């Protein structure tokens, strides 16, 4: 089992077991796909032997490709960073250089992503409208931006998986009957001020939630097992509650990333799946 290399809004470390409870009992023997990877807590927990991961964020995908193919070179680069405010902002400018058409070596880019993610305020990943990372410096007693153990363990897992950088719908072609797909989309906001949908410049709006539902129906028709987590926003419940062949469960998760510290804490989330209850892990 590997720990996620990155901190990530909406990460699943707190509710992994509740998600796994909805998986088929024999899930370790199945090909596994995670089309909205983020920090990848579920994949890193179950260590699939075959399948795929995907994310729409190119820079995130670059990181995982580097971890898969050149982990030692990445670690060398990681050890060169310093946890200092001035260094942080210079590193952020360097990371954003491709926006201006400047070349950035893939290993350096991956290393800067880890460094910035681990050193920035509240562990956020946020882009402006031009695609530039714009989170300010964080203040911590200590920061592990080398992440040696996590990278080496993640390498062993990722070398068995295909890595994509495209729309989540690729999985409708890639997944075969008997495979297992876990969807972890940017959650539908439960209020006007709560949103995890814009960690990249391409926001995930409700029309994409509807496309995701259609993909789940297509996968179900192919005989693919599907599990999805999302917020318990009323429109999400309405989207799935009448979906034939699927059931909805409510679970509770603790969320630590919120601009308002007083609003961090337990929130209700949904798990939607077509795995028959008698075939689930729990």
C-alpha atoms as a PDB file:
ATOM      1  CA  UNK A   1       0.000   0.000   0.000  1.00  0.00           C
ATOM      2  CA  UNK A   2       1.287   3.456  -0.916  1.00  0.00           C
ATOM      3  CA  UNK A   3       0.299   6.752   0.643  1.00  0.00           C
ATOM      4  CA  UNK A   4      -0.774   9.497  -1.784  1.00  0.00           C
ATOM      5  CA  UNK A   5       2.155  11.640  -2.881  1.00  0.00           C
ATOM      6  CA  UNK A   6       0.037  14.801  -2.911  1.00  0.00           C
ATOM      7  CA  UNK A   7      -2.439  16.507  -0.651  1.00  0.00           C
ATOM      8  CA  UNK A   8      -5.686  16.919  -2.567  1.00  0.00           C
ATOM      9  CA  UNK A   9      -9.037  18.597  -2.002  1.00  0.00           C
ATOM     10  CA  UNK A  10     -11.639  15.858  -1.778  1.00  0.00           C
ATOM     11  CA  UNK A  11      -9.038  13.130  -1.196  1.00  0.00           C
ATOM     12  CA  UNK A  12     -10.441   9.795  -0.100  1.00  0.00           C
ATOM     13  CA  UNK A  13      -8.080   8.673   2.654  1.00  0.00           C
ATOM     14  CA  UNK A  14     -10.714   9.280   5.349  1.00  0.00           C
ATOM     15  CA  UNK A  15     -13.411   7.166   3.698  1.00  0.00           C
ATOM     16  CA  UNK A  16     -11.498   4.498   1.798  1.00  0.00           C
ATOM     17  CA  UNK A  17     -12.958   1.630   3.762  1.00  0.00           C
ATOM     18  CA  UNK A  18     -16.516   2.858   3.207  1.00  0.00           C
ATOM     19  CA  UNK A  19     -15.786   3.021  -0.532  1.00  0.00           C
ATOM     20  CA  UNK A  20     -14.180  -0.441  -0.562  1.00  0.00           C
ATOM     21  CA  UNK A  21     -17.225  -1.844   1.219  1.00  0.00           C
ATOM     22  CA  UNK A  22     -19.126  -1.185  -2.024  1.00  0.00           C
ATOM     23  CA  UNK A  23     -16.570  -3.016  -4.191  1.00  0.00           C
ATOM     24  CA  UNK A  24     -17.131  -6.626  -5.316  1.00  0.00           C
ATOM     25  CA  UNK A  25     -15.742  -9.154  -2.836  1.00  0.00           C
ATOM     26  CA  UNK A  26     -13.264 -10.395  -5.438  1.00  0.00           C
ATOM     27  CA  UNK A  27     -12.101  -6.924  -6.535  1.00  0.00           C
ATOM     28  CA  UNK A  28      -8.350  -7.726  -6.172  1.00  0.00           C
ATOM     29  CA  UNK A  29      -8.650 -10.122  -9.116  1.00  0.00           C
ATOM     30  CA  UNK A  30     -10.372  -7.610 -11.418  1.00  0.00           C
ATOM     31  CA  UNK A  31      -8.924  -5.013 -13.791  1.00  0.00           C
ATOM     32  CA  UNK A  32      -9.371  -1.640 -12.124  1.00  0.00           C
ATOM     33  CA  UNK A  33      -9.811   1.830 -13.609  1.00  0.00           C
ATOM     34  CA  UNK A  34      -9.836   5.218 -11.871  1.00  0.00           C
ATOM     35  CA  UNK A  35     -10.693   7.858 -14.527  1.00  0.00           C
ATOM     36  CA  UNK A  36     -10.626  10.865 -12.140  1.00  0.00           C
ATOM     37  CA  UNK A  37      -7.453  10.088 -10.270  1.00  0.00           C
ATOM     38  CA  UNK A  38      -6.471  13.173  -8.272  1.00  0.00           C
ATOM     39  CA  UNK A  39      -4.261  11.961  -5.404  1.00  0.00           C
ATOM     40  CA  UNK A  40      -5.236   8.357  -6.126  1.00  0.00           C
ATOM     41  CA  UNK A  41      -5.810   7.207  -2.552  1.00  0.00           C
ATOM     42  CA  UNK A  42      -8.060   4.309  -3.607  1.00  0.00           C
ATOM     43  CA  UNK A  43      -5.723   2.979  -6.301  1.00  0.00           C
ATOM     44  CA  UNK A  44      -2.725   3.262  -4.003  1.00  0.00           C
ATOM     45  CA  UNK A  45      -4.627   1.409  -1.283  1.00  0.00           C
ATOM     46  CA  UNK A  46      -5.790  -1.569  -3.356  1.00  0.00           C
ATOM     47  CA  UNK A  47      -2.684  -1.910  -5.576  1.00  0.00           C
ATOM     48  CA  UNK A  48      -4.365  -3.183  -8.771  1.00  0.00           C
ATOM     49  CA  UNK A  49      -2.335  -5.504 -10.985  1.00  0.00           C
ATOM     50  CA  UNK A  50      -3.835  -4.178 -14.228  1.00  0.00           C
ATOM     51  CA  UNK A  51      -6.078  -1.398 -15.500  1.00  0.00           C
ATOM     52  CA  UNK A  52      -5.723   2.358 -15.927  1.00  0.00           C
ATOM     53  CA  UNK A  53      -5.716   5.749 -14.279  1.00  0.00           C
ATOM     54  CA  UNK A  54      -6.593   9.110 -15.817  1.00  0.00           C
ATOM     55  CA  UNK A  55      -6.891  12.770 -14.972  1.00  0.00           C
ATOM     56  CA  UNK A  56      -7.758  15.849 -17.021  1.00  0.00           C
ATOM     57  CA  UNK A  57      -4.972  17.821 -15.315  1.00  0.00           C
ATOM     58  CA  UNK A  58      -1.925  17.454 -17.579  1.00  0.00           C
ATOM     59  CA  UNK A  59       0.571  18.431 -14.894  1.00  0.00           C
ATOM     60  CA  UNK A  60      -0.810  15.873 -12.494  1.00  0.00           C
ATOM     61  CA  UNK A  61      -0.582  13.172 -15.152  1.00  0.00           C
ATOM     62  CA  UNK A  62       3.001  14.203 -15.912  1.00  0.00           C
ATOM     63  CA  UNK A  63       3.848  13.592 -12.250  1.00  0.00           C
ATOM     64  CA  UNK A  64       2.472  10.052 -12.307  1.00  0.00           C
ATOM     65  CA  UNK A  65       4.206   9.245 -15.578  1.00  0.00           C
ATOM     66  CA  UNK A  66       7.503  10.384 -14.074  1.00  0.00           C
ATOM     67  CA  UNK A  67       6.844   8.330 -10.921  1.00  0.00           C
ATOM     68  CA  UNK A  68       6.135   5.325 -13.156  1.00  0.00           C
ATOM     69  CA  UNK A  69       9.235   5.636 -15.340  1.00  0.00           C
ATOM     70  CA  UNK A  70      11.910   7.711 -13.528  1.00  0.00           C
ATOM     71  CA  UNK A  71      11.362   7.672  -9.747  1.00  0.00           C
ATOM     72  CA  UNK A  72      15.035   7.911  -8.786  1.00  0.00           C
ATOM     73  CA  UNK A  73      15.593  10.990 -10.955  1.00  0.00           C
ATOM     74  CA  UNK A  74      12.511  12.571  -9.393  1.00  0.00           C
ATOM     75  CA  UNK A  75      13.825  11.958  -5.879  1.00  0.00           C
ATOM     76  CA  UNK A  76      17.159  13.584  -6.738  1.00  0.00           C
ATOM     77  CA  UNK A  77      15.302  16.689  -7.899  1.00  0.00           C
ATOM     78  CA  UNK A  78      13.026  16.664  -4.831  1.00  0.00           C
ATOM     79  CA  UNK A  79      16.013  16.727  -2.470  1.00  0.00           C
ATOM     80  CA  UNK A  80      17.255  19.972  -4.031  1.00  0.00           C
ATOM     81  CA  UNK A  81      14.364  22.132  -2.768  1.00  0.00           C
ATOM     82  CA  UNK A  82      14.301  24.382   0.305  1.00  0.00           C
ATOM     83  CA  UNK A  83      11.368  25.285   2.512  1.00  0.00           C
ATOM     84  CA  UNK A  84      11.730  29.073   2.399  1.00  0.00           C
ATOM     85  CA  UNK A  85       9.209  31.719   1.409  1.00  0.00           C
ATOM     86  CA  UNK A  86      11.339  33.430  -1.247  1.00  0.00           C
ATOM     87  CA  UNK A  87      12.381  30.065  -2.684  1.00  0.00           C
ATOM     88  CA  UNK A  88       8.708  29.008  -2.793  1.00  0.00           C
ATOM     89  CA  UNK A  89       7.610  31.966  -4.930  1.00  0.00           C
ATOM     90  CA  UNK A  90      10.566  31.522  -7.273  1.00  0.00           C
ATOM     91  CA  UNK A  91       9.630  27.853  -7.604  1.00  0.00           C
ATOM     92  CA  UNK A  92       6.014  28.806  -8.289  1.00  0.00           C
ATOM     93  CA  UNK A  93       7.134  31.177 -11.066  1.00  0.00           C
ATOM     94  CA  UNK A  94       9.300  28.431 -12.522  1.00  0.00           C
ATOM     95  CA  UNK A  95       6.399  25.971 -12.389  1.00  0.00           C
ATOM     96  CA  UNK A  96       4.201  28.444 -14.272  1.00  0.00           C
ATOM     97  CA  UNK A  97       6.790  29.091 -17.000  1.00  0.00           C
ATOM     98  CA  UNK A  98       5.057  26.825 -19.589  1.00  0.00           C
ATOM     99  CA  UNK A  99       2.087  29.206 -19.579  1.00  0.00           C
ATOM    100  CA  UNK A 100       4.392  31.721 -21.226  1.00  0.00           C
ATOM    101  CA  UNK A 101       5.580  29.149 -23.741  1.00  0.00           C
ATOM    102  CA  UNK A 102       8.816  28.300 -21.920  1.00  0.00           C
ATOM    103  CA  UNK A 103      10.082  24.717 -21.749  1.00  0.00           C
ATOM    104  CA  UNK A 104      10.081  22.912 -18.404  1.00  0.00           C
ATOM    105  CA  UNK A 105      11.699  19.502 -18.101  1.00  0.00           C
ATOM    106  CA  UNK A 106       9.073  16.865 -17.144  1.00  0.00           C
ATOM    107  CA  UNK A 107      11.072  15.701 -14.100  1.00  0.00           C
ATOM    108  CA  UNK A 108      11.547  19.243 -12.834  1.00  0.00           C
ATOM    109  CA  UNK A 109       7.859  19.961 -13.423  1.00  0.00           C
ATOM    110  CA  UNK A 110       6.833  16.864 -11.461  1.00  0.00           C
ATOM    111  CA  UNK A 111       9.206  17.744  -8.634  1.00  0.00           C
ATOM    112  CA  UNK A 112       7.975  21.336  -8.459  1.00  0.00           C
ATOM    113  CA  UNK A 113       4.383  20.113  -8.284  1.00  0.00           C
ATOM    114  CA  UNK A 114       5.195  17.974  -5.244  1.00  0.00           C
ATOM    115  CA  UNK A 115       7.194  20.759  -3.601  1.00  0.00           C
ATOM    116  CA  UNK A 116       4.510  23.408  -4.147  1.00  0.00           C
ATOM    117  CA  UNK A 117       1.704  21.080  -3.095  1.00  0.00           C
ATOM    118  CA  UNK A 118       3.458  20.149   0.129  1.00  0.00           C
ATOM    119  CA  UNK A 119       4.604  23.705   0.914  1.00  0.00           C
ATOM    120  CA  UNK A 120       1.609  25.801  -0.121  1.00  0.00           C
ATOM    121  CA  UNK A 121      -1.230  27.117   2.013  1.00  0.00           C
ATOM    122  CA  UNK A 122      -3.592  24.365   3.162  1.00  0.00           C
ATOM    123  CA  UNK A 123      -2.337  21.820   0.619  1.00  0.00           C
ATOM    124  CA  UNK A 124      -4.526  23.244  -2.133  1.00  0.00           C
ATOM    125  CA  UNK A 125      -4.107  22.837  -5.862  1.00  0.00           C
ATOM    126  CA  UNK A 126      -5.741  25.740  -7.667  1.00  0.00           C
ATOM    127  CA  UNK A 127      -5.247  27.291 -11.096  1.00  0.00           C
ATOM    128  CA  UNK A 128      -6.222  30.707 -12.391  1.00  0.00           C
ATOM    129  CA  UNK A 129      -8.030  31.222 -15.697  1.00  0.00           C
ATOM    130  CA  UNK A 130      -4.732  30.966 -17.602  1.00  0.00           C
ATOM    131  CA  UNK A 131      -3.811  27.682 -15.938  1.00  0.00           C
ATOM    132  CA  UNK A 132      -1.259  29.169 -13.538  1.00  0.00           C
ATOM    133  CA  UNK A 133      -0.823  27.700 -10.059  1.00  0.00           C
ATOM    134  CA  UNK A 134      -1.623  30.572  -7.695  1.00  0.00           C
ATOM    135  CA  UNK A 135      -1.751  29.245  -4.107  1.00  0.00           C
ATOM    136  CA  UNK A 136       0.323  31.266  -1.592  1.00  0.00           C
ATOM    137  CA  UNK A 137       3.080  29.986   0.678  1.00  0.00           C
ATOM    138  CA  UNK A 138       2.019  27.931   3.679  1.00  0.00           C
ATOM    139  CA  UNK A 139       3.493  27.988   7.158  1.00  0.00           C
ATOM    140  CA  UNK A 140       4.315  24.614   8.709  1.00  0.00           C
ATOM    141  CA  UNK A 141       6.760  23.416  11.340  1.00  0.00           C
ATOM    142  CA  UNK A 142       8.145  20.850   8.918  1.00  0.00           C
ATOM    143  CA  UNK A 143       7.445  19.786   5.339  1.00  0.00           C
ATOM    144  CA  UNK A 144       8.270  16.509   3.603  1.00  0.00           C
ATOM    145  CA  UNK A 145       8.528  17.413  -0.062  1.00  0.00           C
ATOM    146  CA  UNK A 146      10.884  14.529  -0.865  1.00  0.00           C
ATOM    147  CA  UNK A 147       8.190  11.861  -0.325  1.00  0.00           C
ATOM    148  CA  UNK A 148      10.670   9.055  -0.907  1.00  0.00           C
ATOM    149  CA  UNK A 149       8.659   6.148   0.501  1.00  0.00           C
ATOM    150  CA  UNK A 150       5.426   7.218  -1.191  1.00  0.00           C
ATOM    151  CA  UNK A 151       7.126   7.680  -4.569  1.00  0.00           C
ATOM    152  CA  UNK A 152       8.917   4.339  -4.516  1.00  0.00           C
ATOM    153  CA  UNK A 153       5.786   2.455  -3.469  1.00  0.00           C
ATOM    154  CA  UNK A 154       3.654   4.338  -6.015  1.00  0.00           C
ATOM    155  CA  UNK A 155       6.172   3.412  -8.716  1.00  0.00           C
ATOM    156  CA  UNK A 156       5.618  -0.300  -8.027  1.00  0.00           C
ATOM    157  CA  UNK A 157       1.856   0.170  -8.439  1.00  0.00           C
ATOM    158  CA  UNK A 158       1.831   2.511 -11.435  1.00  0.00           C
ATOM    159  CA  UNK A 159       4.171   0.373 -13.532  1.00  0.00           C
ATOM    160  CA  UNK A 160       1.262  -2.075 -13.884  1.00  0.00           C
ATOM    161  CA  UNK A 161      -1.236   0.545 -15.078  1.00  0.00           C
ATOM    162  CA  UNK A 162      -1.892   2.581 -18.230  1.00  0.00           C
ATOM    163  CA  UNK A 163      -1.860   6.341 -17.594  1.00  0.00           C
ATOM    164  CA  UNK A 164      -4.179   8.622 -19.582  1.00  0.00           C
ATOM    165  CA  UNK A 165      -4.619  12.383 -19.838  1.00  0.00           C
ATOM    166  CA  UNK A 166      -8.032  12.812 -21.429  1.00  0.00           C
ATOM    167  CA  UNK A 167     -11.744  13.025 -20.736  1.00  0.00           C
ATOM    168  CA  UNK A 168     -13.074  10.457 -18.276  1.00  0.00           C
ATOM    169  CA  UNK A 169     -15.207   8.927 -21.042  1.00  0.00           C
ATOM    170  CA  UNK A 170     -12.151   7.045 -22.378  1.00  0.00           C
ATOM    171  CA  UNK A 171     -13.015   4.338 -19.858  1.00  0.00           C
ATOM    172  CA  UNK A 172     -16.197   3.440 -21.750  1.00  0.00           C
ATOM    173  CA  UNK A 173     -13.914   2.035 -24.463  1.00  0.00           C
ATOM    174  CA  UNK A 174     -11.124   0.737 -22.228  1.00  0.00           C
ATOM    175  CA  UNK A 175     -13.171  -1.132 -19.616  1.00  0.00           C
ATOM    176  CA  UNK A 176     -14.385  -4.642 -20.432  1.00  0.00           C
ATOM    177  CA  UNK A 177     -17.075  -6.816 -18.926  1.00  0.00           C
ATOM    178  CA  UNK A 178     -16.078  -7.811 -15.407  1.00  0.00           C
ATOM    179  CA  UNK A 179     -13.780  -4.811 -14.864  1.00  0.00           C
ATOM    180  CA  UNK A 180     -14.257  -2.416 -11.940  1.00  0.00           C
ATOM    181  CA  UNK A 181     -14.370   1.378 -12.365  1.00  0.00           C
ATOM    182  CA  UNK A 182     -14.243   3.898  -9.517  1.00  0.00           C
ATOM    183  CA  UNK A 183     -15.327   7.481 -10.309  1.00  0.00           C
ATOM    184  CA  UNK A 184     -14.321  10.302  -7.963  1.00  0.00           C
ATOM    185  CA  UNK A 185     -15.442  13.467  -9.775  1.00  0.00           C
ATOM    186  CA  UNK A 186     -15.067  17.022  -8.512  1.00  0.00           C
ATOM    187  CA  UNK A 187     -18.020  17.122  -6.152  1.00  0.00           C
ATOM    188  CA  UNK A 188     -21.167  18.988  -6.998  1.00  0.00           C
ATOM    189  CA  UNK A 189     -21.242  22.009  -4.624  1.00  0.00           C
ATOM    190  CA  UNK A 190     -23.732  21.694  -1.774  1.00  0.00           C
ATOM    191  CA  UNK A 191     -23.907  25.490  -1.404  1.00  0.00           C
ATOM    192  CA  UNK A 192     -23.112  28.636  -3.364  1.00  0.00           C
ATOM    193  CA  UNK A 193     -19.762  29.025  -1.544  1.00  0.00           C
ATOM    194  CA  UNK A 194     -18.627  25.393  -1.434  1.00  0.00           C
ATOM    195  CA  UNK A 195     -16.829  24.073  -4.502  1.00  0.00           C
ATOM    196  CA  UNK A 196     -14.176  21.507  -5.328  1.00  0.00           C
ATOM    197  CA  UNK A 197     -14.904  21.736  -9.065  1.00  0.00           C
ATOM    198  CA  UNK A 198     -12.179  24.154 -10.175  1.00  0.00           C
ATOM    199  CA  UNK A 199      -8.802  22.662  -9.317  1.00  0.00           C
ATOM    200  CA  UNK A 200      -7.937  23.231 -12.966  1.00  0.00           C
ATOM    201  CA  UNK A 201      -8.966  25.973 -15.360  1.00  0.00           C
ATOM    202  CA  UNK A 202     -11.542  23.599 -16.882  1.00  0.00           C
ATOM    203  CA  UNK A 203     -14.384  23.578 -14.346  1.00  0.00           C
ATOM    204  CA  UNK A 204     -16.505  20.460 -13.865  1.00  0.00           C
ATOM    205  CA  UNK A 205     -20.050  21.778 -14.060  1.00  0.00           C
ATOM    206  CA  UNK A 206     -23.389  19.981 -13.785  1.00  0.00           C
ATOM    207  CA  UNK A 207     -23.493  19.151 -17.488  1.00  0.00           C
ATOM    208  CA  UNK A 208     -20.399  17.050 -16.835  1.00  0.00           C
ATOM    209  CA  UNK A 209     -22.144  15.385 -13.900  1.00  0.00           C
ATOM    210  CA  UNK A 210     -24.883  14.409 -16.354  1.00  0.00           C
ATOM    211  CA  UNK A 211     -22.318  13.069 -18.834  1.00  0.00           C
ATOM    212  CA  UNK A 212     -20.803  11.048 -16.021  1.00  0.00           C
ATOM    213  CA  UNK A 213     -24.176   9.497 -15.257  1.00  0.00           C
ATOM    214  CA  UNK A 214     -24.517   8.529 -18.925  1.00  0.00           C
ATOM    215  CA  UNK A 215     -21.060   6.924 -18.824  1.00  0.00           C
ATOM    216  CA  UNK A 216     -22.100   4.877 -15.789  1.00  0.00           C
ATOM    217  CA  UNK A 217     -25.174   3.640 -17.652  1.00  0.00           C
ATOM    218  CA  UNK A 218     -23.024   2.684 -20.653  1.00  0.00           C
ATOM    219  CA  UNK A 219     -20.564   0.803 -18.457  1.00  0.00           C
ATOM    220  CA  UNK A 220     -23.380  -0.970 -16.648  1.00  0.00           C
ATOM    221  CA  UNK A 221     -24.786  -2.121 -19.994  1.00  0.00           C
ATOM    222  CA  UNK A 222     -21.346  -3.574 -20.830  1.00  0.00           C
ATOM    223  CA  UNK A 223     -21.238  -5.623 -17.639  1.00  0.00           C
ATOM    224  CA  UNK A 224     -18.687  -3.391 -15.905  1.00  0.00           C
ATOM    225  CA  UNK A 225     -18.934  -2.868 -12.141  1.00  0.00           C
ATOM    226  CA  UNK A 226     -19.082   0.847 -11.269  1.00  0.00           C
ATOM    227  CA  UNK A 227     -18.694   2.732  -7.980  1.00  0.00           C
ATOM    228  CA  UNK A 228     -19.021   6.517  -7.728  1.00  0.00           C
ATOM    229  CA  UNK A 229     -18.645   8.937  -4.822  1.00  0.00           C
ATOM    230  CA  UNK A 230     -20.091  12.446  -4.842  1.00  0.00           C
ATOM    231  CA  UNK A 231     -21.588  15.081  -2.594  1.00  0.00           C
ATOM    232  CA  UNK A 232     -25.128  14.667  -1.301  1.00  0.00           C
ATOM    233  CA  UNK A 233     -26.305  17.778  -3.140  1.00  0.00           C
ATOM    234  CA  UNK A 234     -30.045  17.411  -3.942  1.00  0.00           C
ATOM    235  CA  UNK A 235     -29.460  17.535  -7.693  1.00  0.00           C
ATOM    236  CA  UNK A 236     -26.970  14.657  -7.445  1.00  0.00           C
ATOM    237  CA  UNK A 237     -29.435  12.567  -5.471  1.00  0.00           C
ATOM    238  CA  UNK A 238     -32.094  13.307  -8.086  1.00  0.00           C
ATOM    239  CA  UNK A 239     -29.660  12.364 -10.855  1.00  0.00           C
ATOM    240  CA  UNK A 240     -29.121   8.852  -9.508  1.00  0.00           C
ATOM    241  CA  UNK A 241     -32.080   7.906  -7.322  1.00  0.00           C
ATOM    242  CA  UNK A 242     -34.206   6.617 -10.213  1.00  0.00           C
ATOM    243  CA  UNK A 243     -31.318   4.998 -12.087  1.00  0.00           C
ATOM    244  CA  UNK A 244     -32.224   1.369 -12.780  1.00  0.00           C
ATOM    245  CA  UNK A 245     -29.673  -1.139 -11.553  1.00  0.00           C
ATOM    246  CA  UNK A 246     -27.933   1.274  -9.157  1.00  0.00           C
ATOM    247  CA  UNK A 247     -28.248   1.910  -5.415  1.00  0.00           C
ATOM    248  CA  UNK A 248     -27.294   4.964  -3.352  1.00  0.00           C
ATOM    249  CA  UNK A 249     -25.714   4.897   0.111  1.00  0.00           C
ATOM    250  CA  UNK A 250     -24.871   7.815   2.386  1.00  0.00           C
ATOM    251  CA  UNK A 251     -21.560   7.961   4.235  1.00  0.00           C
ATOM    252  CA  UNK A 252     -19.879  10.583   6.417  1.00  0.00           C
ATOM    253  CA  UNK A 253     -16.479  12.081   5.652  1.00  0.00           C
ATOM    254  CA  UNK A 254     -14.241  14.540   7.465  1.00  0.00           C
ATOM    255  CA  UNK A 255     -13.066  17.393   5.293  1.00  0.00           C
ATOM    256  CA  UNK A 256     -10.000  19.428   6.333  1.00  0.00           C
ATOM    257  CA  UNK A 257      -9.724  21.758   3.321  1.00  0.00           C
ATOM    258  CA  UNK A 258     -12.035  24.746   3.584  1.00  0.00           C
ATOM    259  CA  UNK A 259     -11.254  28.452   3.448  1.00  0.00           C
ATOM    260  CA  UNK A 260     -13.434  28.862   6.548  1.00  0.00           C
ATOM    261  CA  UNK A 261     -11.862  26.848   9.368  1.00  0.00           C
ATOM    262  CA  UNK A 262     -15.141  26.814  11.277  1.00  0.00           C
ATOM    263  CA  UNK A 263     -16.809  24.885   8.438  1.00  0.00           C
ATOM    264  CA  UNK A 264     -14.297  22.050   8.346  1.00  0.00           C
ATOM    265  CA  UNK A 265     -15.586  18.784   9.736  1.00  0.00           C
ATOM    266  CA  UNK A 266     -18.000  16.019   8.889  1.00  0.00           C
ATOM    267  CA  UNK A 267     -20.026  16.189   5.674  1.00  0.00           C
ATOM    268  CA  UNK A 268     -22.460  13.784   4.055  1.00  0.00           C
ATOM    269  CA  UNK A 269     -21.367  12.058   0.861  1.00  0.00           C
ATOM    270  CA  UNK A 270     -22.972   9.586  -1.518  1.00  0.00           C
ATOM    271  CA  UNK A 271     -21.755   6.302  -2.918  1.00  0.00           C
ATOM    272  CA  UNK A 272     -23.577   5.102  -6.045  1.00  0.00           C
ATOM    273  CA  UNK A 273     -22.949   1.596  -7.372  1.00  0.00           C
ATOM    274  CA  UNK A 274     -24.325  -1.191  -9.538  1.00  0.00           C
ATOM    275  CA  UNK A 275     -22.545  -3.887  -7.495  1.00  0.00           C
ATOM    276  CA  UNK A 276     -25.305  -6.144  -6.074  1.00  0.00           C
ATOM    277  CA  UNK A 277     -25.417  -5.916  -2.289  1.00  0.00           C
ATOM    278  CA  UNK A 278     -24.883  -9.639  -1.860  1.00  0.00           C
ATOM    279  CA  UNK A 279     -21.678  -9.427  -3.908  1.00  0.00           C
ATOM    280  CA  UNK A 280     -20.149  -6.476  -2.049  1.00  0.00           C
ATOM    281  CA  UNK A 281     -17.205  -6.648   0.285  1.00  0.00           C
ATOM    282  CA  UNK A 282     -19.443  -5.586   3.156  1.00  0.00           C
END
